[in-house]
Amino acid sequence: MHDLSAALRSLGLEVTLFAPSDSATDLPRVGDYPSLSALERRHGRVAPGVPAALDALQLEALRLRLGAFDIVHCHGEFAHAALLGERRRRSLTTVHWRVDELDRALFFAGFPDLPVAAISASQQSGIPAANRLGVVHHGIDRDRYALRTEPADHVAFVGRMTDQKRPDTAIRVARAAGLPIRLGGTIDAGNPDYFDRRVRPLLGPEATYLGPVDDARKGELLGSARALLFPIDWPEPFGLVMIEAMACGTPVIAWNRGSVPEIVEDGVTGFIVSSEAEAVGALAGLDRLDRAGIRRRFEARFTAERMARDYLALYRRLLAA
């Protein structure tokens, strides 16, 4: 996470980022191999084992340098825990996915001495007590997105085109409310038929799919939207797009699952709902929310600096132990 690394450096820490060779960063970086996306641009579709090979190569680079760091903070999948060995107690792992499935149960059972930082209290509830070190909500660069107080008429959906995120629900809600909707995000590689079966038939003049969006296009899409619709259908461990919308001053209408009650302040930064009908009603109440106030709540709760300070407190606990 580049935002975290940069914010930690601003607090006076020496930070080395292990990242692909094509990463855009001014931080000290280790990594001799390109990213998966760079390889796909160069070679087209690559073999299914390429991501695992890249992971192994990066872990080897870490193994060769383990003694150089006071704390190793990992954001990857499983193999790093075995590599760390006796250094596990001087490491921190952030899990960016759900933790209620068999793969994580096996992982935690095998590494009870691995300290884990949850990204929400909801996620932490599924992590064994032996692994829990604390909860650190995500944060983003304060200046990445700007407040926009005069939105356009549309609502927005940003996320993977998958049944976990339910863009089809977002389109139905917007249509029922009489509002156009613009959707940005990738078609989920693990469920590619979902877009063609459930989303494409709903598209039209008032429901536009924009494809994948980078930071600049995302900021324009979210900032110009009257609201972000977040109709998740899974135990969302965090939901970064919610705070990205708040950074623009855009209210979030989110389903009451996973981390949502921790992130959205009902009636302040958006509305928490449990059905399509409730979401339609929430859209009718957007005028009650203050977009400048939403931006202020983002600045108070979800900046990268706040995230870095929270992680620094956990690093100090690990070093003290």
C-alpha atoms as a PDB file:
ATOM      1  CA  MET A   1       0.000   0.000   0.000  1.00  0.00           C
ATOM      2  CA  HIS A   2       1.800   3.061  -1.264  1.00  0.00           C
ATOM      3  CA  ASP A   3      -0.364   5.522   0.696  1.00  0.00           C
ATOM      4  CA  LEU A   4       0.518   3.758   3.947  1.00  0.00           C
ATOM      5  CA  SER A   5       4.229   3.638   3.131  1.00  0.00           C
ATOM      6  CA  ALA A   6       4.332   7.321   2.202  1.00  0.00           C
ATOM      7  CA  ALA A   7       2.409   8.307   5.338  1.00  0.00           C
ATOM      8  CA  LEU A   8       4.732   6.233   7.539  1.00  0.00           C
ATOM      9  CA  ARG A   9       7.718   7.997   5.990  1.00  0.00           C
ATOM     10  CA  SER A  10       6.091  11.355   6.753  1.00  0.00           C
ATOM     11  CA  LEU A  11       5.984  10.267  10.407  1.00  0.00           C
ATOM     12  CA  GLY A  12       9.758   9.767  10.371  1.00  0.00           C
ATOM     13  CA  LEU A  13      10.007   6.014   9.723  1.00  0.00           C
ATOM     14  CA  GLU A  14      12.444   4.445   7.276  1.00  0.00           C
ATOM     15  CA  VAL A  15      10.303   2.434   4.868  1.00  0.00           C
ATOM     16  CA  THR A  16      11.277  -0.010   2.123  1.00  0.00           C
ATOM     17  CA  LEU A  17       8.524  -1.049  -0.275  1.00  0.00           C
ATOM     18  CA  PHE A  18       8.635  -4.502  -1.873  1.00  0.00           C
ATOM     19  CA  ALA A  19       6.846  -3.970  -5.170  1.00  0.00           C
ATOM     20  CA  PRO A  20       7.067  -4.744  -8.927  1.00  0.00           C
ATOM     21  CA  SER A  21       9.751  -3.080 -11.007  1.00  0.00           C
ATOM     22  CA  ASP A  22       7.193  -0.960 -12.891  1.00  0.00           C
ATOM     23  CA  SER A  23       5.736   0.556  -9.709  1.00  0.00           C
ATOM     24  CA  ALA A  24       5.503   4.365  -9.688  1.00  0.00           C
ATOM     25  CA  THR A  25       6.969   5.409  -6.337  1.00  0.00           C
ATOM     26  CA  ASP A  26       9.667   7.605  -4.880  1.00  0.00           C
ATOM     27  CA  LEU A  27      10.082   5.283  -1.889  1.00  0.00           C
ATOM     28  CA  PRO A  28      13.038   2.919  -1.582  1.00  0.00           C
ATOM     29  CA  ARG A  29      11.816  -0.146  -3.470  1.00  0.00           C
ATOM     30  CA  VAL A  30      12.899  -3.780  -3.842  1.00  0.00           C
ATOM     31  CA  GLY A  31      11.682  -5.926  -6.728  1.00  0.00           C
ATOM     32  CA  ASP A  32      13.301  -6.958 -10.011  1.00  0.00           C
ATOM     33  CA  TYR A  33      10.246  -8.368 -11.768  1.00  0.00           C
ATOM     34  CA  PRO A  34       7.321  -6.619 -13.483  1.00  0.00           C
ATOM     35  CA  SER A  35       3.730  -6.610 -12.306  1.00  0.00           C
ATOM     36  CA  LEU A  36       1.116  -9.031 -13.594  1.00  0.00           C
ATOM     37  CA  SER A  37      -0.587  -6.223 -15.499  1.00  0.00           C
ATOM     38  CA  ALA A  38       2.697  -5.284 -17.213  1.00  0.00           C
ATOM     39  CA  LEU A  39       3.247  -8.893 -18.257  1.00  0.00           C
ATOM     40  CA  GLU A  40      -0.297  -9.094 -19.614  1.00  0.00           C
ATOM     41  CA  ARG A  41       0.235  -5.944 -21.661  1.00  0.00           C
ATOM     42  CA  ARG A  42       3.428  -7.438 -23.059  1.00  0.00           C
ATOM     43  CA  HIS A  43       2.347 -11.050 -23.619  1.00  0.00           C
ATOM     44  CA  GLY A  44      -1.444 -11.009 -23.609  1.00  0.00           C
ATOM     45  CA  ARG A  45      -3.084 -13.719 -21.533  1.00  0.00           C
ATOM     46  CA  VAL A  46      -0.518 -15.405 -19.294  1.00  0.00           C
ATOM     47  CA  ALA A  47      -0.412 -18.839 -17.684  1.00  0.00           C
ATOM     48  CA  PRO A  48      -2.506 -19.222 -14.496  1.00  0.00           C
ATOM     49  CA  GLY A  49       0.616 -19.864 -12.438  1.00  0.00           C
ATOM     50  CA  VAL A  50       2.249 -16.522 -13.217  1.00  0.00           C
ATOM     51  CA  PRO A  51       0.847 -14.660 -10.146  1.00  0.00           C
ATOM     52  CA  ALA A  52       2.165 -17.392  -7.835  1.00  0.00           C
ATOM     53  CA  ALA A  53       5.565 -17.260  -9.541  1.00  0.00           C
ATOM     54  CA  LEU A  54       5.746 -13.483  -9.105  1.00  0.00           C
ATOM     55  CA  ASP A  55       4.772 -13.876  -5.451  1.00  0.00           C
ATOM     56  CA  ALA A  56       7.528 -16.440  -4.904  1.00  0.00           C
ATOM     57  CA  LEU A  57      10.114 -14.184  -6.538  1.00  0.00           C
ATOM     58  CA  GLN A  58       9.142 -11.258  -4.334  1.00  0.00           C
ATOM     59  CA  LEU A  59       9.212 -13.426  -1.224  1.00  0.00           C
ATOM     60  CA  GLU A  60      12.726 -14.565  -2.129  1.00  0.00           C
ATOM     61  CA  ALA A  61      13.781 -10.919  -2.334  1.00  0.00           C
ATOM     62  CA  LEU A  62      12.330 -10.448   1.162  1.00  0.00           C
ATOM     63  CA  ARG A  63      14.036 -13.585   2.518  1.00  0.00           C
ATOM     64  CA  LEU A  64      17.424 -12.281   1.460  1.00  0.00           C
ATOM     65  CA  ARG A  65      16.861  -9.060   3.419  1.00  0.00           C
ATOM     66  CA  LEU A  66      14.879 -10.159   6.483  1.00  0.00           C
ATOM     67  CA  GLY A  67      17.565  -9.090   8.904  1.00  0.00           C
ATOM     68  CA  ALA A  68      17.501  -5.496   7.668  1.00  0.00           C
ATOM     69  CA  PHE A  69      14.098  -4.587   9.112  1.00  0.00           C
ATOM     70  CA  ASP A  70      12.656  -4.061  12.580  1.00  0.00           C
ATOM     71  CA  ILE A  71       9.132  -4.894  11.369  1.00  0.00           C
ATOM     72  CA  VAL A  72       7.980  -6.676   8.223  1.00  0.00           C
ATOM     73  CA  HIS A  73       4.426  -5.700   7.270  1.00  0.00           C
ATOM     74  CA  CYS A  74       2.888  -8.113   4.748  1.00  0.00           C
ATOM     75  CA  HIS A  75      -0.218  -7.569   2.633  1.00  0.00           C
ATOM     76  CA  GLY A  76       0.039 -10.729   0.534  1.00  0.00           C
ATOM     77  CA  GLU A  77      -1.507 -14.157   0.716  1.00  0.00           C
ATOM     78  CA  PHE A  78      -0.329 -17.186   2.668  1.00  0.00           C
ATOM     79  CA  ALA A  79       3.287 -18.106   1.840  1.00  0.00           C
ATOM     80  CA  HIS A  80       4.919 -15.216   3.678  1.00  0.00           C
ATOM     81  CA  ALA A  81       3.992 -16.732   7.053  1.00  0.00           C
ATOM     82  CA  ALA A  82       6.167 -19.796   6.400  1.00  0.00           C
ATOM     83  CA  LEU A  83       9.003 -17.662   5.045  1.00  0.00           C
ATOM     84  CA  LEU A  84       9.088 -15.433   8.135  1.00  0.00           C
ATOM     85  CA  GLY A  85       9.733 -18.366  10.480  1.00  0.00           C
ATOM     86  CA  GLU A  86      11.066 -17.079  13.798  1.00  0.00           C
ATOM     87  CA  ARG A  87      10.494 -13.499  12.616  1.00  0.00           C
ATOM     88  CA  ARG A  88       6.718 -13.928  12.703  1.00  0.00           C
ATOM     89  CA  ARG A  89       6.458 -12.229  16.096  1.00  0.00           C
ATOM     90  CA  ARG A  90       8.200  -9.173  14.614  1.00  0.00           C
ATOM     91  CA  SER A  91       5.846  -9.035  11.659  1.00  0.00           C
ATOM     92  CA  LEU A  92       2.357  -7.803  10.930  1.00  0.00           C
ATOM     93  CA  THR A  93      -0.077  -9.200   8.379  1.00  0.00           C
ATOM     94  CA  THR A  94      -3.008  -7.278   6.958  1.00  0.00           C
ATOM     95  CA  VAL A  95      -5.645  -9.480   5.339  1.00  0.00           C
ATOM     96  CA  HIS A  96      -7.564  -7.676   2.598  1.00  0.00           C
ATOM     97  CA  TRP A  97     -10.168 -10.368   1.964  1.00  0.00           C
ATOM     98  CA  ARG A  98     -12.912 -12.158   3.859  1.00  0.00           C
ATOM     99  CA  VAL A  99     -11.686 -14.453   6.625  1.00  0.00           C
ATOM    100  CA  ASP A 100     -14.703 -16.720   7.063  1.00  0.00           C
ATOM    101  CA  GLU A 101     -13.776 -19.389   4.514  1.00  0.00           C
ATOM    102  CA  LEU A 102     -11.805 -22.641   4.748  1.00  0.00           C
ATOM    103  CA  ASP A 103      -8.539 -21.306   3.321  1.00  0.00           C
ATOM    104  CA  ARG A 104      -8.194 -18.714   6.074  1.00  0.00           C
ATOM    105  CA  ALA A 105      -9.268 -21.191   8.768  1.00  0.00           C
ATOM    106  CA  LEU A 106      -6.453 -23.519   7.709  1.00  0.00           C
ATOM    107  CA  PHE A 107      -3.994 -20.631   7.511  1.00  0.00           C
ATOM    108  CA  PHE A 108      -4.711 -19.262  10.970  1.00  0.00           C
ATOM    109  CA  ALA A 109      -4.724 -22.739  12.529  1.00  0.00           C
ATOM    110  CA  GLY A 110      -1.244 -23.384  11.151  1.00  0.00           C
ATOM    111  CA  PHE A 111       0.226 -20.023  12.200  1.00  0.00           C
ATOM    112  CA  PRO A 112      -1.216 -19.112  15.622  1.00  0.00           C
ATOM    113  CA  ASP A 113       1.850 -16.929  16.307  1.00  0.00           C
ATOM    114  CA  LEU A 114       1.268 -14.661  13.291  1.00  0.00           C
ATOM    115  CA  PRO A 115       0.096 -11.170  14.374  1.00  0.00           C
ATOM    116  CA  VAL A 116      -2.762  -9.936  12.197  1.00  0.00           C
ATOM    117  CA  ALA A 117      -4.239  -6.454  11.872  1.00  0.00           C
ATOM    118  CA  ALA A 118      -7.870  -6.545  10.839  1.00  0.00           C
ATOM    119  CA  ILE A 119      -9.215  -3.818   8.551  1.00  0.00           C
ATOM    120  CA  SER A 120     -12.547  -3.712  10.387  1.00  0.00           C
ATOM    121  CA  ALA A 121     -14.071  -5.023  13.583  1.00  0.00           C
ATOM    122  CA  SER A 122     -16.398  -7.071  11.399  1.00  0.00           C
ATOM    123  CA  GLN A 123     -13.425  -8.808   9.802  1.00  0.00           C
ATOM    124  CA  GLN A 124     -11.660  -9.229  13.151  1.00  0.00           C
ATOM    125  CA  SER A 125     -14.597 -11.199  14.517  1.00  0.00           C
ATOM    126  CA  GLY A 126     -13.596 -14.020  12.155  1.00  0.00           C
ATOM    127  CA  ILE A 127      -9.903 -14.003  13.119  1.00  0.00           C
ATOM    128  CA  PRO A 128      -8.788 -16.293  15.981  1.00  0.00           C
ATOM    129  CA  ALA A 129      -8.001 -14.474  19.212  1.00  0.00           C
ATOM    130  CA  ALA A 130      -4.401 -15.714  19.134  1.00  0.00           C
ATOM    131  CA  ASN A 131      -3.742 -13.813  15.898  1.00  0.00           C
ATOM    132  CA  ARG A 132      -5.552 -10.565  16.698  1.00  0.00           C
ATOM    133  CA  LEU A 133      -3.333  -7.542  17.236  1.00  0.00           C
ATOM    134  CA  GLY A 134      -5.835  -4.777  16.528  1.00  0.00           C
ATOM    135  CA  VAL A 135      -8.106  -3.086  14.001  1.00  0.00           C
ATOM    136  CA  VAL A 136      -6.869  -0.440  11.590  1.00  0.00           C
ATOM    137  CA  HIS A 137      -9.382   1.057   9.180  1.00  0.00           C
ATOM    138  CA  HIS A 138      -8.041   1.948   5.766  1.00  0.00           C
ATOM    139  CA  GLY A 139      -7.119   5.505   4.871  1.00  0.00           C
ATOM    140  CA  ILE A 140      -6.168   7.270   1.646  1.00  0.00           C
ATOM    141  CA  ASP A 141      -4.085  10.289   0.705  1.00  0.00           C
ATOM    142  CA  ARG A 142      -5.966  13.340   1.944  1.00  0.00           C
ATOM    143  CA  ASP A 143      -5.446  15.163  -1.353  1.00  0.00           C
ATOM    144  CA  ARG A 144      -6.186  12.389  -3.854  1.00  0.00           C
ATOM    145  CA  TYR A 145      -9.828  13.407  -4.242  1.00  0.00           C
ATOM    146  CA  ALA A 146     -11.344  16.852  -3.839  1.00  0.00           C
ATOM    147  CA  LEU A 147     -14.647  18.010  -2.393  1.00  0.00           C
ATOM    148  CA  ARG A 148     -17.320  18.701  -4.980  1.00  0.00           C
ATOM    149  CA  THR A 149     -20.341  20.495  -3.567  1.00  0.00           C
ATOM    150  CA  GLU A 150     -22.416  20.708  -6.767  1.00  0.00           C
ATOM    151  CA  PRO A 151     -22.939  17.210  -8.187  1.00  0.00           C
ATOM    152  CA  ALA A 152     -24.623  16.244 -11.437  1.00  0.00           C
ATOM    153  CA  ASP A 153     -27.876  14.282 -11.601  1.00  0.00           C
ATOM    154  CA  HIS A 154     -26.502  10.742 -11.785  1.00  0.00           C
ATOM    155  CA  VAL A 155     -25.626   8.222  -9.083  1.00  0.00           C
ATOM    156  CA  ALA A 156     -22.534   6.023  -9.245  1.00  0.00           C
ATOM    157  CA  PHE A 157     -21.461   2.439  -8.723  1.00  0.00           C
ATOM    158  CA  VAL A 158     -17.741   1.596  -8.535  1.00  0.00           C
ATOM    159  CA  GLY A 159     -16.538  -1.952  -8.022  1.00  0.00           C
ATOM    160  CA  ARG A 160     -15.979  -5.343  -9.570  1.00  0.00           C
ATOM    161  CA  MET A 161     -18.781  -6.590 -11.778  1.00  0.00           C
ATOM    162  CA  THR A 162     -19.591  -9.557  -9.569  1.00  0.00           C
ATOM    163  CA  ASP A 163     -22.409 -11.020  -7.514  1.00  0.00           C
ATOM    164  CA  GLN A 164     -20.573  -9.929  -4.342  1.00  0.00           C
ATOM    165  CA  LYS A 165     -20.872  -6.256  -5.324  1.00  0.00           C
ATOM    166  CA  ARG A 166     -24.249  -6.456  -7.136  1.00  0.00           C
ATOM    167  CA  PRO A 167     -24.110  -3.744  -9.816  1.00  0.00           C
ATOM    168  CA  ASP A 168     -27.407  -5.142 -11.121  1.00  0.00           C
ATOM    169  CA  THR A 169     -29.040  -4.133  -7.832  1.00  0.00           C
ATOM    170  CA  ALA A 170     -27.558  -0.645  -8.152  1.00  0.00           C
ATOM    171  CA  ILE A 171     -29.067  -0.253 -11.622  1.00  0.00           C
ATOM    172  CA  ARG A 172     -32.511  -1.367 -10.441  1.00  0.00           C
ATOM    173  CA  VAL A 173     -32.417   1.056  -7.496  1.00  0.00           C
ATOM    174  CA  ALA A 174     -31.369   3.993  -9.664  1.00  0.00           C
ATOM    175  CA  ARG A 175     -34.060   3.158 -12.219  1.00  0.00           C
ATOM    176  CA  ALA A 176     -36.726   2.920  -9.539  1.00  0.00           C
ATOM    177  CA  ALA A 177     -35.641   6.321  -8.218  1.00  0.00           C
ATOM    178  CA  GLY A 178     -35.747   7.851 -11.696  1.00  0.00           C
ATOM    179  CA  LEU A 179     -32.012   8.628 -11.694  1.00  0.00           C
ATOM    180  CA  PRO A 180     -29.353   7.821 -14.297  1.00  0.00           C
ATOM    181  CA  ILE A 181     -26.465   5.665 -13.108  1.00  0.00           C
ATOM    182  CA  ARG A 182     -22.857   5.401 -14.256  1.00  0.00           C
ATOM    183  CA  LEU A 183     -20.915   2.266 -13.395  1.00  0.00           C
ATOM    184  CA  GLY A 184     -17.140   1.843 -13.275  1.00  0.00           C
ATOM    185  CA  GLY A 185     -15.094  -1.252 -12.549  1.00  0.00           C
ATOM    186  CA  THR A 186     -13.563  -4.390 -13.954  1.00  0.00           C
ATOM    187  CA  ILE A 187     -15.417  -7.500 -15.065  1.00  0.00           C
ATOM    188  CA  ASP A 188     -14.572 -10.089 -12.416  1.00  0.00           C
ATOM    189  CA  ALA A 189     -12.113 -12.636 -13.824  1.00  0.00           C
ATOM    190  CA  GLY A 190     -13.427 -15.256 -11.398  1.00  0.00           C
ATOM    191  CA  ASN A 191     -17.040 -14.815 -12.515  1.00  0.00           C
ATOM    192  CA  PRO A 192     -16.946 -13.450 -16.081  1.00  0.00           C
ATOM    193  CA  ASP A 193     -20.434 -14.638 -17.067  1.00  0.00           C
ATOM    194  CA  TYR A 194     -22.103 -12.532 -14.387  1.00  0.00           C
ATOM    195  CA  PHE A 195     -21.710  -9.287 -16.328  1.00  0.00           C
ATOM    196  CA  ASP A 196     -23.229 -10.710 -19.507  1.00  0.00           C
ATOM    197  CA  ARG A 197     -26.079 -12.463 -17.708  1.00  0.00           C
ATOM    198  CA  ARG A 198     -27.060  -9.988 -15.014  1.00  0.00           C
ATOM    199  CA  VAL A 199     -25.666  -6.548 -15.877  1.00  0.00           C
ATOM    200  CA  ARG A 200     -25.466  -6.088 -19.638  1.00  0.00           C
ATOM    201  CA  PRO A 201     -29.239  -6.640 -20.173  1.00  0.00           C
ATOM    202  CA  LEU A 202     -29.941  -3.729 -17.784  1.00  0.00           C
ATOM    203  CA  LEU A 203     -27.676  -1.224 -19.544  1.00  0.00           C
ATOM    204  CA  GLY A 204     -29.070   1.565 -21.683  1.00  0.00           C
ATOM    205  CA  PRO A 205     -29.166   5.347 -22.055  1.00  0.00           C
ATOM    206  CA  GLU A 206     -29.779   5.805 -18.314  1.00  0.00           C
ATOM    207  CA  ALA A 207     -27.417   3.043 -17.142  1.00  0.00           C
ATOM    208  CA  THR A 208     -23.932   3.432 -18.590  1.00  0.00           C
ATOM    209  CA  TYR A 209     -20.996   1.089 -18.035  1.00  0.00           C
ATOM    210  CA  LEU A 210     -17.709   3.006 -18.247  1.00  0.00           C
ATOM    211  CA  GLY A 211     -15.316   0.068 -17.872  1.00  0.00           C
ATOM    212  CA  PRO A 212     -12.321   0.121 -15.504  1.00  0.00           C
ATOM    213  CA  VAL A 213     -11.578   3.558 -14.007  1.00  0.00           C
ATOM    214  CA  ASP A 214      -8.225   4.897 -12.795  1.00  0.00           C
ATOM    215  CA  ASP A 215      -7.884   7.366  -9.924  1.00  0.00           C
ATOM    216  CA  ALA A 216      -8.579  10.431 -12.084  1.00  0.00           C
ATOM    217  CA  ARG A 217     -11.689   8.955 -13.713  1.00  0.00           C
ATOM    218  CA  LYS A 218     -12.853   7.539 -10.396  1.00  0.00           C
ATOM    219  CA  GLY A 219     -12.560  10.950  -8.778  1.00  0.00           C
ATOM    220  CA  GLU A 220     -14.630  12.502 -11.556  1.00  0.00           C
ATOM    221  CA  LEU A 221     -17.243   9.746 -11.422  1.00  0.00           C
ATOM    222  CA  LEU A 222     -17.611   9.827  -7.635  1.00  0.00           C
ATOM    223  CA  GLY A 223     -17.332  13.591  -7.243  1.00  0.00           C
ATOM    224  CA  SER A 224     -19.982  14.325  -9.851  1.00  0.00           C
ATOM    225  CA  ALA A 225     -22.410  11.728  -8.460  1.00  0.00           C
ATOM    226  CA  ARG A 226     -25.332  12.563  -6.207  1.00  0.00           C
ATOM    227  CA  ALA A 227     -24.563   9.374  -4.273  1.00  0.00           C
ATOM    228  CA  LEU A 228     -22.551   6.171  -4.374  1.00  0.00           C
ATOM    229  CA  LEU A 229     -24.642   3.000  -4.333  1.00  0.00           C
ATOM    230  CA  PHE A 230     -22.919   0.153  -2.479  1.00  0.00           C
ATOM    231  CA  PRO A 231     -25.320  -2.827  -2.609  1.00  0.00           C
ATOM    232  CA  ILE A 232     -22.930  -5.495  -1.373  1.00  0.00           C
ATOM    233  CA  ASP A 233     -24.068  -9.099  -0.987  1.00  0.00           C
ATOM    234  CA  TRP A 234     -21.164 -10.480   1.066  1.00  0.00           C
ATOM    235  CA  PRO A 235     -19.377  -9.775   4.382  1.00  0.00           C
ATOM    236  CA  GLU A 236     -17.411  -6.801   3.027  1.00  0.00           C
ATOM    237  CA  PRO A 237     -14.177  -6.565   5.069  1.00  0.00           C
ATOM    238  CA  PHE A 238     -13.837  -2.821   4.424  1.00  0.00           C
ATOM    239  CA  GLY A 239     -14.991  -1.261   1.129  1.00  0.00           C
ATOM    240  CA  LEU A 240     -12.408   1.331   0.086  1.00  0.00           C
ATOM    241  CA  VAL A 241     -14.703   3.016  -2.429  1.00  0.00           C
ATOM    242  CA  MET A 242     -16.917   4.188   0.421  1.00  0.00           C
ATOM    243  CA  ILE A 243     -14.191   6.431   1.829  1.00  0.00           C
ATOM    244  CA  GLU A 244     -13.149   7.501  -1.672  1.00  0.00           C
ATOM    245  CA  ALA A 245     -16.695   8.767  -2.191  1.00  0.00           C
ATOM    246  CA  MET A 246     -16.652  10.527   1.193  1.00  0.00           C
ATOM    247  CA  ALA A 247     -13.406  12.258   0.221  1.00  0.00           C
ATOM    248  CA  CYS A 248     -15.381  13.831  -2.645  1.00  0.00           C
ATOM    249  CA  GLY A 249     -18.215  14.773  -0.298  1.00  0.00           C
ATOM    250  CA  THR A 250     -20.455  12.196  -1.955  1.00  0.00           C
ATOM    251  CA  PRO A 251     -22.958  10.362   0.281  1.00  0.00           C
ATOM    252  CA  VAL A 252     -22.855   6.570   0.437  1.00  0.00           C
ATOM    253  CA  ILE A 253     -25.974   4.428   0.365  1.00  0.00           C
ATOM    254  CA  ALA A 254     -24.781   1.018   1.536  1.00  0.00           C
ATOM    255  CA  TRP A 255     -26.331  -2.276   2.499  1.00  0.00           C
ATOM    256  CA  ASN A 256     -26.004  -3.272   6.152  1.00  0.00           C
ATOM    257  CA  ARG A 257     -23.414  -6.027   5.765  1.00  0.00           C
ATOM    258  CA  GLY A 258     -19.838  -6.564   6.879  1.00  0.00           C
ATOM    259  CA  SER A 259     -17.959  -3.382   7.746  1.00  0.00           C
ATOM    260  CA  VAL A 260     -20.608  -0.945   6.493  1.00  0.00           C
ATOM    261  CA  PRO A 261     -21.890   0.182   9.953  1.00  0.00           C
ATOM    262  CA  GLU A 262     -18.285   1.000  10.937  1.00  0.00           C
ATOM    263  CA  ILE A 263     -17.635   3.133   7.869  1.00  0.00           C
ATOM    264  CA  VAL A 264     -20.918   4.886   7.053  1.00  0.00           C
ATOM    265  CA  GLU A 265     -22.392   7.156   9.731  1.00  0.00           C
ATOM    266  CA  ASP A 266     -26.101   6.805   9.073  1.00  0.00           C
ATOM    267  CA  GLY A 267     -27.688  10.180   8.421  1.00  0.00           C
ATOM    268  CA  VAL A 268     -24.292  11.930   8.357  1.00  0.00           C
ATOM    269  CA  THR A 269     -22.111  10.470   5.594  1.00  0.00           C
ATOM    270  CA  GLY A 270     -24.854   8.454   3.954  1.00  0.00           C
ATOM    271  CA  PHE A 271     -27.578   5.969   4.714  1.00  0.00           C
ATOM    272  CA  ILE A 272     -27.432   2.311   5.749  1.00  0.00           C
ATOM    273  CA  VAL A 273     -30.208   0.240   4.176  1.00  0.00           C
ATOM    274  CA  SER A 274     -31.346  -3.359   4.005  1.00  0.00           C
ATOM    275  CA  SER A 275     -33.365  -3.522   0.793  1.00  0.00           C
ATOM    276  CA  GLU A 276     -33.814  -1.995  -2.628  1.00  0.00           C
ATOM    277  CA  ALA A 277     -36.938  -0.186  -1.444  1.00  0.00           C
ATOM    278  CA  GLU A 278     -35.031   1.375   1.466  1.00  0.00           C
ATOM    279  CA  ALA A 279     -32.272   2.447  -0.929  1.00  0.00           C
ATOM    280  CA  VAL A 280     -34.809   4.179  -3.187  1.00  0.00           C
ATOM    281  CA  GLY A 281     -36.157   5.998  -0.148  1.00  0.00           C
ATOM    282  CA  ALA A 282     -32.644   6.981   0.912  1.00  0.00           C
ATOM    283  CA  LEU A 283     -32.002   8.551  -2.487  1.00  0.00           C
ATOM    284  CA  ALA A 284     -35.020  10.775  -1.890  1.00  0.00           C
ATOM    285  CA  GLY A 285     -33.411  12.025   1.331  1.00  0.00           C
ATOM    286  CA  LEU A 286     -30.022  13.062  -0.026  1.00  0.00           C
ATOM    287  CA  ASP A 287     -30.781  16.761   0.399  1.00  0.00           C
ATOM    288  CA  ARG A 288     -30.617  16.269   4.168  1.00  0.00           C
ATOM    289  CA  LEU A 289     -26.887  15.517   3.959  1.00  0.00           C
ATOM    290  CA  ASP A 290     -24.124  18.139   3.850  1.00  0.00           C
ATOM    291  CA  ARG A 291     -21.432  17.295   1.303  1.00  0.00           C
ATOM    292  CA  ALA A 292     -18.866  19.549   2.991  1.00  0.00           C
ATOM    293  CA  GLY A 293     -19.662  17.805   6.266  1.00  0.00           C
ATOM    294  CA  ILE A 294     -19.087  14.423   4.639  1.00  0.00           C
ATOM    295  CA  ARG A 295     -15.663  15.586   3.496  1.00  0.00           C
ATOM    296  CA  ARG A 296     -14.885  16.726   7.048  1.00  0.00           C
ATOM    297  CA  ARG A 297     -15.796  13.295   8.408  1.00  0.00           C
ATOM    298  CA  PHE A 298     -13.466  11.731   5.836  1.00  0.00           C
ATOM    299  CA  GLU A 299     -10.634  14.006   6.989  1.00  0.00           C
ATOM    300  CA  ALA A 300     -11.286  13.105  10.612  1.00  0.00           C
ATOM    301  CA  ARG A 301     -11.529   9.342  10.135  1.00  0.00           C
ATOM    302  CA  PHE A 302     -10.058   8.002   6.916  1.00  0.00           C
ATOM    303  CA  THR A 303      -6.831   9.724   5.890  1.00  0.00           C
ATOM    304  CA  ALA A 304      -3.598   7.837   5.233  1.00  0.00           C
ATOM    305  CA  GLU A 305      -1.941   9.759   8.080  1.00  0.00           C
ATOM    306  CA  ARG A 306      -4.487   8.447  10.588  1.00  0.00           C
ATOM    307  CA  MET A 307      -4.010   4.914   9.213  1.00  0.00           C
ATOM    308  CA  ALA A 308      -0.217   5.237   9.518  1.00  0.00           C
ATOM    309  CA  ARG A 309      -0.437   6.412  13.138  1.00  0.00           C
ATOM    310  CA  ASP A 310      -2.652   3.447  13.986  1.00  0.00           C
ATOM    311  CA  TYR A 311      -0.213   1.018  12.394  1.00  0.00           C
ATOM    312  CA  LEU A 312       2.728   2.705  14.104  1.00  0.00           C
ATOM    313  CA  ALA A 313       1.066   2.014  17.452  1.00  0.00           C
ATOM    314  CA  LEU A 314       0.846  -1.687  16.517  1.00  0.00           C
ATOM    315  CA  TYR A 315       4.498  -1.766  15.382  1.00  0.00           C
ATOM    316  CA  ARG A 316       5.530  -0.337  18.757  1.00  0.00           C
ATOM    317  CA  ARG A 317       3.541  -3.014  20.565  1.00  0.00           C
ATOM    318  CA  LEU A 318       5.319  -5.711  18.555  1.00  0.00           C
ATOM    319  CA  LEU A 319       8.753  -4.229  19.284  1.00  0.00           C
ATOM    320  CA  ALA A 320       7.980  -3.840  22.977  1.00  0.00           C
ATOM    321  CA  ALA A 321       6.968  -7.480  23.199  1.00  0.00           C
END
